[in-house]
Amino acid sequence: MAFDLAPLVMKAATDHGERAKFLADPRGYLEAHGVDVPGFVEITAVEIDRPVATVTFGLPPMPDPDEISEVDLDQISGGHSGNFGTPM
């Protein structure tokens, strides 16, 4: 679901009480206003001296192509039969 953050950010930017709530607990503030924030997302609110918001996305390291994945390992160890052993 798309959510327009602009009204919330403007409210926090222009209202002293809302600003204090947002700075103290940005995740809680957003969730209290109906924004679903996944648990793996870290939110930090800071005061800045310019009218620009910065969003930073942290991605995990790329998987090593030479490493066997957990799914592949399960299939190799008998956790998945695939199309083998189809009765005749």
C-alpha atoms as a PDB file:
ATOM      1  CA  MET A   1       0.000   0.000   0.000  1.00  0.00           C
ATOM      2  CA  ALA A   2       1.360   3.408  -0.930  1.00  0.00           C
ATOM      3  CA  PHE A   3       1.455   6.021   1.784  1.00  0.00           C
ATOM      4  CA  ASP A   4       2.135   9.724   1.383  1.00  0.00           C
ATOM      5  CA  LEU A   5       4.663  10.677   4.076  1.00  0.00           C
ATOM      6  CA  ALA A   6       4.696  14.372   3.133  1.00  0.00           C
ATOM      7  CA  PRO A   7       1.790  15.407   5.412  1.00  0.00           C
ATOM      8  CA  LEU A   8       3.372  13.621   8.398  1.00  0.00           C
ATOM      9  CA  VAL A   9       6.777  15.135   7.754  1.00  0.00           C
ATOM     10  CA  MET A  10       5.280  18.609   7.349  1.00  0.00           C
ATOM     11  CA  LYS A  11       3.290  18.183  10.567  1.00  0.00           C
ATOM     12  CA  ALA A  12       6.439  17.156  12.447  1.00  0.00           C
ATOM     13  CA  ALA A  13       8.399  19.979  10.817  1.00  0.00           C
ATOM     14  CA  THR A  14       5.943  22.723  11.778  1.00  0.00           C
ATOM     15  CA  ASP A  15       4.366  21.653  15.099  1.00  0.00           C
ATOM     16  CA  HIS A  16       6.588  21.673  18.221  1.00  0.00           C
ATOM     17  CA  GLY A  17       4.692  18.836  19.946  1.00  0.00           C
ATOM     18  CA  GLU A  18       4.620  16.612  16.882  1.00  0.00           C
ATOM     19  CA  ARG A  19       8.293  17.353  16.218  1.00  0.00           C
ATOM     20  CA  ALA A  20       9.244  16.232  19.732  1.00  0.00           C
ATOM     21  CA  LYS A  21       7.256  12.981  19.329  1.00  0.00           C
ATOM     22  CA  PHE A  22       8.788  12.275  15.922  1.00  0.00           C
ATOM     23  CA  LEU A  23      12.354  12.927  17.067  1.00  0.00           C
ATOM     24  CA  ALA A  24      11.903  10.824  20.225  1.00  0.00           C
ATOM     25  CA  ASP A  25      10.406   7.783  18.472  1.00  0.00           C
ATOM     26  CA  PRO A  26      10.207   8.036  14.680  1.00  0.00           C
ATOM     27  CA  ARG A  27       9.079   4.406  14.212  1.00  0.00           C
ATOM     28  CA  GLY A  28       6.344   4.748  16.803  1.00  0.00           C
ATOM     29  CA  TYR A  29       5.268   8.086  15.341  1.00  0.00           C
ATOM     30  CA  LEU A  30       4.930   6.661  11.831  1.00  0.00           C
ATOM     31  CA  GLU A  31       3.179   3.502  13.033  1.00  0.00           C
ATOM     32  CA  ALA A  32       0.764   5.579  15.149  1.00  0.00           C
ATOM     33  CA  HIS A  33      -0.196   7.364  11.927  1.00  0.00           C
ATOM     34  CA  GLY A  34      -0.833   4.173   9.961  1.00  0.00           C
ATOM     35  CA  VAL A  35       2.547   3.597   8.332  1.00  0.00           C
ATOM     36  CA  ASP A  36       3.559  -0.077   8.343  1.00  0.00           C
ATOM     37  CA  VAL A  37       7.286  -0.147   9.095  1.00  0.00           C
ATOM     38  CA  PRO A  38       8.940  -3.562   8.613  1.00  0.00           C
ATOM     39  CA  GLY A  39      11.009  -4.789  11.551  1.00  0.00           C
ATOM     40  CA  PHE A  40      14.224  -4.894   9.524  1.00  0.00           C
ATOM     41  CA  VAL A  41      13.969  -1.157   8.767  1.00  0.00           C
ATOM     42  CA  GLU A  42      15.834   1.164  11.125  1.00  0.00           C
ATOM     43  CA  ILE A  43      14.483   4.703  11.278  1.00  0.00           C
ATOM     44  CA  THR A  44      16.437   7.647  12.623  1.00  0.00           C
ATOM     45  CA  ALA A  45      15.091  11.184  12.819  1.00  0.00           C
ATOM     46  CA  VAL A  46      17.455  14.135  13.069  1.00  0.00           C
ATOM     47  CA  GLU A  47      17.075  17.888  12.821  1.00  0.00           C
ATOM     48  CA  ILE A  48      18.775  19.377   9.776  1.00  0.00           C
ATOM     49  CA  ASP A  49      19.407  22.913   8.572  1.00  0.00           C
ATOM     50  CA  ARG A  50      18.062  22.471   5.049  1.00  0.00           C
ATOM     51  CA  PRO A  51      14.596  21.583   3.713  1.00  0.00           C
ATOM     52  CA  VAL A  52      15.643  18.232   2.247  1.00  0.00           C
ATOM     53  CA  ALA A  53      14.981  14.787   3.672  1.00  0.00           C
ATOM     54  CA  THR A  54      17.524  12.040   3.104  1.00  0.00           C
ATOM     55  CA  VAL A  55      16.571   8.375   2.869  1.00  0.00           C
ATOM     56  CA  THR A  56      19.324   5.782   3.016  1.00  0.00           C
ATOM     57  CA  PHE A  57      18.737   2.133   2.148  1.00  0.00           C
ATOM     58  CA  GLY A  58      21.186  -0.400   3.535  1.00  0.00           C
ATOM     59  CA  LEU A  59      21.441  -3.608   1.560  1.00  0.00           C
ATOM     60  CA  PRO A  60      23.027  -6.794   2.889  1.00  0.00           C
ATOM     61  CA  PRO A  61      26.187  -8.066   1.199  1.00  0.00           C
ATOM     62  CA  MET A  62      25.738  -9.908  -2.089  1.00  0.00           C
ATOM     63  CA  PRO A  63      25.685 -13.686  -1.630  1.00  0.00           C
ATOM     64  CA  ASP A  64      28.803 -15.570  -2.650  1.00  0.00           C
ATOM     65  CA  PRO A  65      27.939 -17.423  -5.893  1.00  0.00           C
ATOM     66  CA  ASP A  66      30.271 -20.255  -4.849  1.00  0.00           C
ATOM     67  CA  GLU A  67      28.433 -20.785  -1.560  1.00  0.00           C
ATOM     68  CA  ILE A  68      25.584 -23.298  -1.337  1.00  0.00           C
ATOM     69  CA  SER A  69      22.317 -21.698  -0.214  1.00  0.00           C
ATOM     70  CA  GLU A  70      20.186 -23.129   2.601  1.00  0.00           C
ATOM     71  CA  VAL A  71      17.511 -24.072   0.044  1.00  0.00           C
ATOM     72  CA  ASP A  72      20.044 -25.927  -2.117  1.00  0.00           C
ATOM     73  CA  LEU A  73      21.482 -27.620   0.951  1.00  0.00           C
ATOM     74  CA  ASP A  74      18.010 -28.823   2.008  1.00  0.00           C
ATOM     75  CA  GLN A  75      17.398 -30.258  -1.457  1.00  0.00           C
ATOM     76  CA  ILE A  76      20.773 -32.021  -1.512  1.00  0.00           C
ATOM     77  CA  SER A  77      20.260 -33.530   1.948  1.00  0.00           C
ATOM     78  CA  GLY A  78      16.891 -35.058   1.054  1.00  0.00           C
ATOM     79  CA  GLY A  79      14.622 -32.220   2.110  1.00  0.00           C
ATOM     80  CA  HIS A  80      13.152 -32.113  -1.396  1.00  0.00           C
ATOM     81  CA  SER A  81      12.535 -34.946  -3.783  1.00  0.00           C
ATOM     82  CA  GLY A  82      11.897 -32.818  -6.863  1.00  0.00           C
ATOM     83  CA  ASN A  83      10.714 -34.997  -9.732  1.00  0.00           C
ATOM     84  CA  PHE A  84      12.727 -38.026  -8.660  1.00  0.00           C
ATOM     85  CA  GLY A  85      11.060 -41.311  -7.855  1.00  0.00           C
ATOM     86  CA  THR A  86       7.805 -40.631  -9.680  1.00  0.00           C
ATOM     87  CA  PRO A  87       5.831 -43.881  -9.515  1.00  0.00           C
ATOM     88  CA  MET A  88       5.343 -45.661 -12.811  1.00  0.00           C
END
